[in-house]
Amino acid sequence: MLVSDVMTAFPAHIRLGSTIRRAAEVVSVSEVGQLMVIDHDGRFAGSLSEEDLVRAMLPGFDDVTAGGGTLADAFRIFLEKGRALADRVIDPLVVRDTATVSPADELARAAVVMIERGIRRLPVVDGGNLVGTLSRADLCRAVIYHS
């Protein structure tokens, strides 16, 4: 069985140069934990996870203690930092050395890569272009419907 047999063909994605606010909106609406990032020519550029977004907005320990040290203070600082970063571009947060698979790769090979590297969603790239994603849920569906 090939990656193309079970991949998600229309992945949630965003372009380089988009704002952190836009990325948060796409994550929220698409309900995926990882966005694929494409460049201005439509070529695959990397990925951006919801964890990357949240980490960028998290206050540091020193920020929290300087702000009062309570959980309420930490949340207030988190919101302030999020507002301050909302209009910045995502480019510095994009992971560019992302593992990828081809639609023609064997599904078993992709599954091994995902498990060994702890990857939840793999970009499926053909000739430099993003053509889909392969998630762990896609692997589970393959077992259920194709066995």
N, C-alpha and C. Protein backbone atom coordinates (compact mmCIF):
# COMPACT_ATOMS: atom_id res chain seq x y z
N MET A 1 0.84 -1.17 0.00
CA MET A 1 0.00 0.00 0.00
C MET A 1 0.89 1.24 0.00
N LEU A 2 0.47 2.24 -0.74
CA LEU A 2 1.26 3.46 -0.89
C LEU A 2 0.70 4.61 -0.05
N VAL A 3 1.55 5.58 0.22
CA VAL A 3 1.14 6.78 0.95
C VAL A 3 -0.06 7.44 0.25
N SER A 4 -0.02 7.49 -1.07
CA SER A 4 -1.10 8.14 -1.83
C SER A 4 -2.46 7.48 -1.63
N ASP A 5 -2.47 6.22 -1.20
CA ASP A 5 -3.73 5.50 -0.99
C ASP A 5 -4.50 6.00 0.22
N VAL A 6 -3.82 6.57 1.19
CA VAL A 6 -4.49 6.95 2.44
C VAL A 6 -4.23 8.38 2.91
N MET A 7 -3.37 9.11 2.21
CA MET A 7 -3.01 10.47 2.66
C MET A 7 -4.21 11.41 2.58
N THR A 8 -4.12 12.49 3.32
CA THR A 8 -5.10 13.57 3.23
C THR A 8 -4.65 14.48 2.11
N ALA A 9 -5.50 14.61 1.08
CA ALA A 9 -5.08 15.29 -0.15
C ALA A 9 -5.12 16.81 -0.07
N PHE A 10 -5.90 17.38 0.83
CA PHE A 10 -6.00 18.84 0.91
C PHE A 10 -5.63 19.28 2.32
N PRO A 11 -4.31 19.33 2.59
CA PRO A 11 -3.86 19.62 3.95
C PRO A 11 -4.03 21.08 4.34
N ALA A 12 -4.20 21.28 5.65
CA ALA A 12 -4.22 22.65 6.18
C ALA A 12 -2.82 23.23 5.97
N HIS A 13 -2.77 24.40 5.36
CA HIS A 13 -1.48 25.01 5.09
C HIS A 13 -1.56 26.53 5.20
N ILE A 14 -0.39 27.13 5.22
CA ILE A 14 -0.27 28.58 5.32
C ILE A 14 0.97 28.98 4.54
N ARG A 15 1.01 30.22 4.10
CA ARG A 15 2.17 30.70 3.32
C ARG A 15 3.19 31.40 4.21
N LEU A 16 4.46 31.29 3.82
CA LEU A 16 5.49 32.10 4.47
C LEU A 16 5.07 33.56 4.38
N GLY A 17 5.39 34.33 5.37
CA GLY A 17 5.02 35.74 5.38
C GLY A 17 3.69 36.01 6.06
N SER A 18 2.92 34.94 6.35
CA SER A 18 1.66 35.11 7.06
C SER A 18 1.94 35.49 8.51
N THR A 19 0.96 36.07 9.17
CA THR A 19 1.14 36.49 10.55
C THR A 19 0.85 35.35 11.52
N ILE A 20 1.35 35.52 12.72
CA ILE A 20 1.07 34.55 13.78
C ILE A 20 -0.43 34.50 14.05
N ARG A 21 -1.10 35.64 13.97
CA ARG A 21 -2.55 35.67 14.16
C ARG A 21 -3.25 34.78 13.13
N ARG A 22 -2.83 34.90 11.87
CA ARG A 22 -3.43 34.09 10.80
C ARG A 22 -3.16 32.61 11.03
N ALA A 23 -1.94 32.28 11.45
CA ALA A 23 -1.61 30.88 11.73
C ALA A 23 -2.49 30.33 12.85
N ALA A 24 -2.69 31.12 13.90
CA ALA A 24 -3.54 30.68 15.00
C ALA A 24 -4.98 30.48 14.53
N GLU A 25 -5.44 31.35 13.64
CA GLU A 25 -6.79 31.19 13.08
C GLU A 25 -6.91 29.90 12.28
N VAL A 26 -5.91 29.61 11.43
CA VAL A 26 -5.95 28.41 10.60
C VAL A 26 -5.88 27.16 11.46
N VAL A 27 -5.04 27.16 12.49
CA VAL A 27 -4.97 26.03 13.42
C VAL A 27 -6.32 25.82 14.08
N SER A 28 -6.93 26.90 14.53
CA SER A 28 -8.21 26.81 15.22
C SER A 28 -9.32 26.29 14.32
N VAL A 29 -9.42 26.81 13.12
CA VAL A 29 -10.49 26.42 12.19
C VAL A 29 -10.27 25.01 11.65
N SER A 30 -9.03 24.68 11.32
CA SER A 30 -8.76 23.38 10.70
C SER A 30 -8.70 22.25 11.73
N GLU A 31 -8.52 22.60 12.99
CA GLU A 31 -8.43 21.64 14.08
C GLU A 31 -7.31 20.62 13.87
N VAL A 32 -6.20 21.07 13.29
CA VAL A 32 -5.01 20.23 13.19
C VAL A 32 -3.92 20.85 14.05
N GLY A 33 -3.03 20.03 14.52
CA GLY A 33 -1.97 20.51 15.39
C GLY A 33 -0.72 20.95 14.65
N GLN A 34 -0.72 20.76 13.33
CA GLN A 34 0.47 21.12 12.56
C GLN A 34 0.06 21.61 11.18
N LEU A 35 0.49 22.82 10.86
CA LEU A 35 0.24 23.39 9.55
C LEU A 35 1.43 23.14 8.64
N MET A 36 1.13 22.87 7.39
CA MET A 36 2.19 22.80 6.40
C MET A 36 2.41 24.22 5.89
N VAL A 37 3.64 24.57 5.60
CA VAL A 37 3.98 25.93 5.17
C VAL A 37 4.52 25.86 3.74
N ILE A 38 3.97 26.71 2.89
CA ILE A 38 4.44 26.78 1.51
C ILE A 38 5.01 28.17 1.24
N ASP A 39 5.89 28.24 0.25
CA ASP A 39 6.47 29.54 -0.09
C ASP A 39 5.57 30.24 -1.11
N HIS A 40 6.04 31.38 -1.61
CA HIS A 40 5.21 32.18 -2.53
C HIS A 40 5.06 31.55 -3.90
N ASP A 41 5.87 30.54 -4.19
CA ASP A 41 5.75 29.80 -5.45
C ASP A 41 4.93 28.53 -5.27
N GLY A 42 4.40 28.32 -4.08
CA GLY A 42 3.59 27.14 -3.81
C GLY A 42 4.39 25.90 -3.47
N ARG A 43 5.69 26.06 -3.23
CA ARG A 43 6.57 24.93 -2.91
C ARG A 43 6.58 24.70 -1.40
N PHE A 44 6.72 23.46 -1.02
CA PHE A 44 6.77 23.12 0.40
C PHE A 44 7.99 23.78 1.05
N ALA A 45 7.76 24.47 2.18
CA ALA A 45 8.84 25.18 2.87
C ALA A 45 9.13 24.63 4.26
N GLY A 46 8.16 23.99 4.88
CA GLY A 46 8.36 23.48 6.24
C GLY A 46 7.03 23.28 6.93
N SER A 47 7.09 23.24 8.26
CA SER A 47 5.86 23.05 9.03
C SER A 47 5.86 23.97 10.24
N LEU A 48 4.67 24.16 10.78
CA LEU A 48 4.48 25.02 11.95
C LEU A 48 3.44 24.35 12.83
N SER A 49 3.83 24.00 14.03
CA SER A 49 2.89 23.32 14.93
C SER A 49 2.22 24.31 15.87
N GLU A 50 1.09 23.87 16.41
CA GLU A 50 0.42 24.70 17.41
C GLU A 50 1.32 24.86 18.63
N GLU A 51 2.15 23.85 18.90
CA GLU A 51 3.10 23.95 20.00
C GLU A 51 4.11 25.08 19.75
N ASP A 52 4.57 25.22 18.50
CA ASP A 52 5.49 26.30 18.15
C ASP A 52 4.85 27.66 18.42
N LEU A 53 3.57 27.78 18.07
CA LEU A 53 2.85 29.04 18.28
C LEU A 53 2.70 29.35 19.76
N VAL A 54 2.26 28.35 20.53
CA VAL A 54 2.06 28.58 21.96
C VAL A 54 3.38 28.87 22.65
N ARG A 55 4.42 28.12 22.30
CA ARG A 55 5.73 28.33 22.92
C ARG A 55 6.23 29.76 22.68
N ALA A 56 5.96 30.31 21.50
CA ALA A 56 6.40 31.67 21.19
C ALA A 56 5.72 32.69 22.11
N MET A 57 4.54 32.37 22.59
CA MET A 57 3.78 33.31 23.43
C MET A 57 3.94 33.06 24.92
N LEU A 58 4.51 31.92 25.30
CA LEU A 58 4.64 31.61 26.73
C LEU A 58 5.61 32.56 27.42
N PRO A 59 5.22 33.05 28.57
CA PRO A 59 6.14 33.90 29.31
C PRO A 59 7.23 33.05 29.96
N GLY A 60 8.38 33.63 30.12
CA GLY A 60 9.47 32.97 30.82
C GLY A 60 9.27 33.05 32.32
N PHE A 61 10.00 32.24 33.05
CA PHE A 61 9.90 32.22 34.51
C PHE A 61 10.16 33.60 35.10
N ASP A 62 11.19 34.28 34.59
CA ASP A 62 11.52 35.62 35.10
C ASP A 62 10.40 36.62 34.83
N ASP A 63 9.74 36.48 33.67
CA ASP A 63 8.62 37.36 33.35
C ASP A 63 7.48 37.17 34.36
N VAL A 64 7.20 35.92 34.69
CA VAL A 64 6.09 35.62 35.61
C VAL A 64 6.41 36.10 37.01
N THR A 65 7.62 35.86 37.48
CA THR A 65 7.95 36.31 38.84
C THR A 65 8.00 37.82 38.92
N ALA A 66 8.47 38.47 37.87
CA ALA A 66 8.48 39.94 37.86
C ALA A 66 7.07 40.50 37.80
N GLY A 67 6.16 39.75 37.20
CA GLY A 67 4.78 40.21 37.09
C GLY A 67 3.93 39.91 38.30
N GLY A 68 4.46 39.22 39.29
CA GLY A 68 3.70 38.92 40.50
C GLY A 68 3.79 37.46 40.91
N GLY A 69 4.06 36.59 39.96
CA GLY A 69 4.32 35.19 40.28
C GLY A 69 3.12 34.27 40.39
N THR A 70 1.92 34.78 40.17
CA THR A 70 0.76 33.91 40.29
C THR A 70 0.37 33.34 38.93
N LEU A 71 -0.49 32.33 38.95
CA LEU A 71 -0.99 31.75 37.72
C LEU A 71 -1.78 32.78 36.91
N ALA A 72 -2.52 33.62 37.59
CA ALA A 72 -3.27 34.68 36.91
C ALA A 72 -2.31 35.66 36.23
N ASP A 73 -1.20 35.96 36.88
CA ASP A 73 -0.18 36.84 36.29
C ASP A 73 0.41 36.18 35.05
N ALA A 74 0.71 34.88 35.14
CA ALA A 74 1.29 34.16 34.00
C ALA A 74 0.33 34.20 32.82
N PHE A 75 -0.96 33.99 33.06
CA PHE A 75 -1.93 34.01 31.97
C PHE A 75 -2.06 35.40 31.36
N ARG A 76 -2.05 36.43 32.22
CA ARG A 76 -2.12 37.81 31.73
C ARG A 76 -0.92 38.12 30.84
N ILE A 77 0.27 37.71 31.26
CA ILE A 77 1.49 37.93 30.47
C ILE A 77 1.42 37.15 29.17
N PHE A 78 0.90 35.92 29.22
CA PHE A 78 0.71 35.10 28.02
C PHE A 78 -0.17 35.83 27.01
N LEU A 79 -1.28 36.39 27.46
CA LEU A 79 -2.18 37.13 26.56
C LEU A 79 -1.50 38.38 26.00
N GLU A 80 -0.80 39.10 26.85
CA GLU A 80 -0.10 40.31 26.40
C GLU A 80 0.96 39.97 25.35
N LYS A 81 1.72 38.92 25.62
CA LYS A 81 2.76 38.51 24.69
C LYS A 81 2.14 38.05 23.37
N GLY A 82 1.02 37.34 23.45
CA GLY A 82 0.31 36.90 22.24
C GLY A 82 -0.16 38.08 21.41
N ARG A 83 -0.71 39.09 22.07
CA ARG A 83 -1.16 40.30 21.34
C ARG A 83 0.03 41.01 20.69
N ALA A 84 1.14 41.05 21.41
CA ALA A 84 2.33 41.74 20.88
C ALA A 84 2.92 41.00 19.67
N LEU A 85 2.78 39.68 19.64
CA LEU A 85 3.35 38.89 18.56
C LEU A 85 2.38 38.65 17.39
N ALA A 86 1.12 38.95 17.58
CA ALA A 86 0.08 38.57 16.62
C ALA A 86 0.35 39.02 15.19
N ASP A 87 0.91 40.18 15.02
CA ASP A 87 1.12 40.71 13.67
C ASP A 87 2.52 40.44 13.13
N ARG A 88 3.32 39.68 13.85
CA ARG A 88 4.64 39.29 13.33
C ARG A 88 4.50 38.10 12.39
N VAL A 89 5.44 37.96 11.48
CA VAL A 89 5.37 36.86 10.52
C VAL A 89 5.81 35.54 11.16
N ILE A 90 5.31 34.46 10.61
CA ILE A 90 5.59 33.13 11.14
C ILE A 90 6.97 32.61 10.76
N ASP A 91 7.60 33.22 9.80
CA ASP A 91 8.83 32.68 9.19
C ASP A 91 9.88 32.20 10.21
N PRO A 92 10.18 32.95 11.29
CA PRO A 92 11.20 32.46 12.23
C PRO A 92 10.75 31.20 12.99
N LEU A 93 9.46 30.93 13.04
CA LEU A 93 8.96 29.79 13.79
C LEU A 93 8.86 28.51 12.94
N VAL A 94 8.97 28.65 11.63
CA VAL A 94 8.78 27.52 10.73
C VAL A 94 9.95 26.54 10.84
N VAL A 95 9.62 25.27 11.02
CA VAL A 95 10.62 24.20 11.04
C VAL A 95 10.86 23.80 9.59
N ARG A 96 12.07 24.05 9.11
CA ARG A 96 12.36 23.85 7.69
C ARG A 96 13.00 22.51 7.36
N ASP A 97 13.54 21.84 8.33
CA ASP A 97 14.18 20.54 8.06
C ASP A 97 13.24 19.38 8.39
N THR A 98 12.01 19.53 7.98
CA THR A 98 10.97 18.56 8.26
C THR A 98 11.15 17.30 7.41
N ALA A 99 10.97 16.15 8.02
CA ALA A 99 10.96 14.89 7.26
C ALA A 99 9.73 14.90 6.35
N THR A 100 9.89 14.39 5.14
CA THR A 100 8.78 14.31 4.20
C THR A 100 8.73 12.91 3.59
N VAL A 101 7.60 12.60 2.98
CA VAL A 101 7.46 11.37 2.20
C VAL A 101 6.88 11.72 0.85
N SER A 102 7.03 10.80 -0.07
CA SER A 102 6.48 10.94 -1.42
C SER A 102 5.17 10.16 -1.49
N PRO A 103 4.25 10.56 -2.38
CA PRO A 103 3.02 9.78 -2.53
C PRO A 103 3.29 8.34 -2.97
N ALA A 104 4.43 8.12 -3.61
CA ALA A 104 4.77 6.78 -4.12
C ALA A 104 5.49 5.92 -3.08
N ASP A 105 5.79 6.46 -1.90
CA ASP A 105 6.46 5.68 -0.87
C ASP A 105 5.50 4.63 -0.29
N GLU A 106 6.10 3.54 0.14
CA GLU A 106 5.32 2.50 0.81
C GLU A 106 4.82 3.04 2.15
N LEU A 107 3.57 2.73 2.46
CA LEU A 107 2.96 3.19 3.70
C LEU A 107 3.73 2.67 4.92
N ALA A 108 4.20 1.46 4.86
CA ALA A 108 4.94 0.89 5.98
C ALA A 108 6.21 1.69 6.27
N ARG A 109 6.89 2.15 5.23
CA ARG A 109 8.10 2.97 5.41
C ARG A 109 7.74 4.28 6.10
N ALA A 110 6.68 4.91 5.65
CA ALA A 110 6.24 6.17 6.26
C ALA A 110 5.86 5.97 7.72
N ALA A 111 5.20 4.86 8.02
CA ALA A 111 4.80 4.57 9.40
C ALA A 111 6.02 4.42 10.30
N VAL A 112 7.04 3.75 9.81
CA VAL A 112 8.26 3.57 10.60
C VAL A 112 8.91 4.92 10.86
N VAL A 113 8.99 5.78 9.85
CA VAL A 113 9.57 7.12 10.02
C VAL A 113 8.78 7.89 11.08
N MET A 114 7.46 7.83 11.01
CA MET A 114 6.63 8.57 11.96
C MET A 114 6.84 8.09 13.39
N ILE A 115 6.86 6.78 13.58
CA ILE A 115 7.00 6.23 14.92
C ILE A 115 8.40 6.46 15.47
N GLU A 116 9.42 6.18 14.67
CA GLU A 116 10.79 6.34 15.15
C GLU A 116 11.14 7.79 15.49
N ARG A 117 10.56 8.74 14.76
CA ARG A 117 10.89 10.16 14.99
C ARG A 117 9.83 10.88 15.82
N GLY A 118 8.78 10.18 16.23
CA GLY A 118 7.73 10.80 17.04
C GLY A 118 6.93 11.85 16.28
N ILE A 119 6.72 11.61 14.99
CA ILE A 119 6.02 12.57 14.14
C ILE A 119 4.54 12.20 14.06
N ARG A 120 3.68 13.17 14.27
CA ARG A 120 2.23 12.93 14.23
C ARG A 120 1.64 13.13 12.83
N ARG A 121 2.27 14.02 12.05
CA ARG A 121 1.76 14.32 10.70
C ARG A 121 2.95 14.59 9.79
N LEU A 122 3.03 13.83 8.70
CA LEU A 122 4.14 13.98 7.74
C LEU A 122 3.66 14.71 6.49
N PRO A 123 4.43 15.66 6.00
CA PRO A 123 4.10 16.28 4.72
C PRO A 123 4.35 15.28 3.59
N VAL A 124 3.45 15.26 2.62
CA VAL A 124 3.63 14.43 1.44
C VAL A 124 3.99 15.40 0.31
N VAL A 125 5.21 15.24 -0.22
CA VAL A 125 5.76 16.19 -1.18
C VAL A 125 6.12 15.45 -2.46
N ASP A 126 5.74 16.05 -3.58
CA ASP A 126 6.06 15.48 -4.89
C ASP A 126 6.67 16.57 -5.75
N GLY A 127 7.92 16.40 -6.14
CA GLY A 127 8.59 17.41 -6.95
C GLY A 127 8.69 18.77 -6.28
N GLY A 128 8.81 18.78 -4.94
CA GLY A 128 8.91 20.03 -4.20
C GLY A 128 7.58 20.64 -3.82
N ASN A 129 6.49 20.09 -4.37
CA ASN A 129 5.15 20.63 -4.09
C ASN A 129 4.44 19.82 -3.02
N LEU A 130 3.77 20.51 -2.12
CA LEU A 130 2.96 19.85 -1.10
C LEU A 130 1.72 19.27 -1.76
N VAL A 131 1.54 17.96 -1.66
CA VAL A 131 0.36 17.32 -2.27
C VAL A 131 -0.55 16.67 -1.24
N GLY A 132 -0.12 16.66 0.02
CA GLY A 132 -0.95 16.07 1.06
C GLY A 132 -0.20 15.95 2.36
N THR A 133 -0.85 15.29 3.31
CA THR A 133 -0.22 14.96 4.57
C THR A 133 -0.61 13.53 4.92
N LEU A 134 0.20 12.93 5.75
CA LEU A 134 -0.09 11.60 6.26
C LEU A 134 -0.05 11.68 7.77
N SER A 135 -1.18 11.39 8.40
CA SER A 135 -1.26 11.47 9.86
C SER A 135 -1.32 10.07 10.45
N ARG A 136 -1.14 10.00 11.74
CA ARG A 136 -1.29 8.72 12.43
C ARG A 136 -2.72 8.21 12.29
N ALA A 137 -3.68 9.13 12.26
CA ALA A 137 -5.08 8.72 12.04
C ALA A 137 -5.25 8.10 10.66
N ASP A 138 -4.55 8.64 9.65
CA ASP A 138 -4.59 8.05 8.31
C ASP A 138 -4.06 6.62 8.35
N LEU A 139 -2.99 6.39 9.12
CA LEU A 139 -2.44 5.04 9.26
C LEU A 139 -3.47 4.11 9.91
N CYS A 140 -4.16 4.59 10.92
CA CYS A 140 -5.19 3.77 11.58
C CYS A 140 -6.32 3.44 10.61
N ARG A 141 -6.74 4.42 9.81
CA ARG A 141 -7.79 4.16 8.81
C ARG A 141 -7.34 3.11 7.81
N ALA A 142 -6.07 3.14 7.44
CA ALA A 142 -5.54 2.16 6.49
C ALA A 142 -5.68 0.75 7.05
N VAL A 143 -5.39 0.61 8.34
CA VAL A 143 -5.50 -0.70 8.97
C VAL A 143 -6.97 -1.14 9.00
N ILE A 144 -7.86 -0.23 9.33
CA ILE A 144 -9.27 -0.58 9.46
C ILE A 144 -9.90 -0.92 8.11
N TYR A 145 -9.68 -0.09 7.12
CA TYR A 145 -10.40 -0.22 5.85
C TYR A 145 -9.66 -1.00 4.77
N HIS A 146 -8.37 -1.23 4.94
CA HIS A 146 -7.62 -1.88 3.87
C HIS A 146 -7.00 -3.21 4.31
N SER A 147 -7.44 -3.72 5.45
CA SER A 147 -6.86 -4.99 5.88
C SER A 147 -7.83 -6.15 5.64
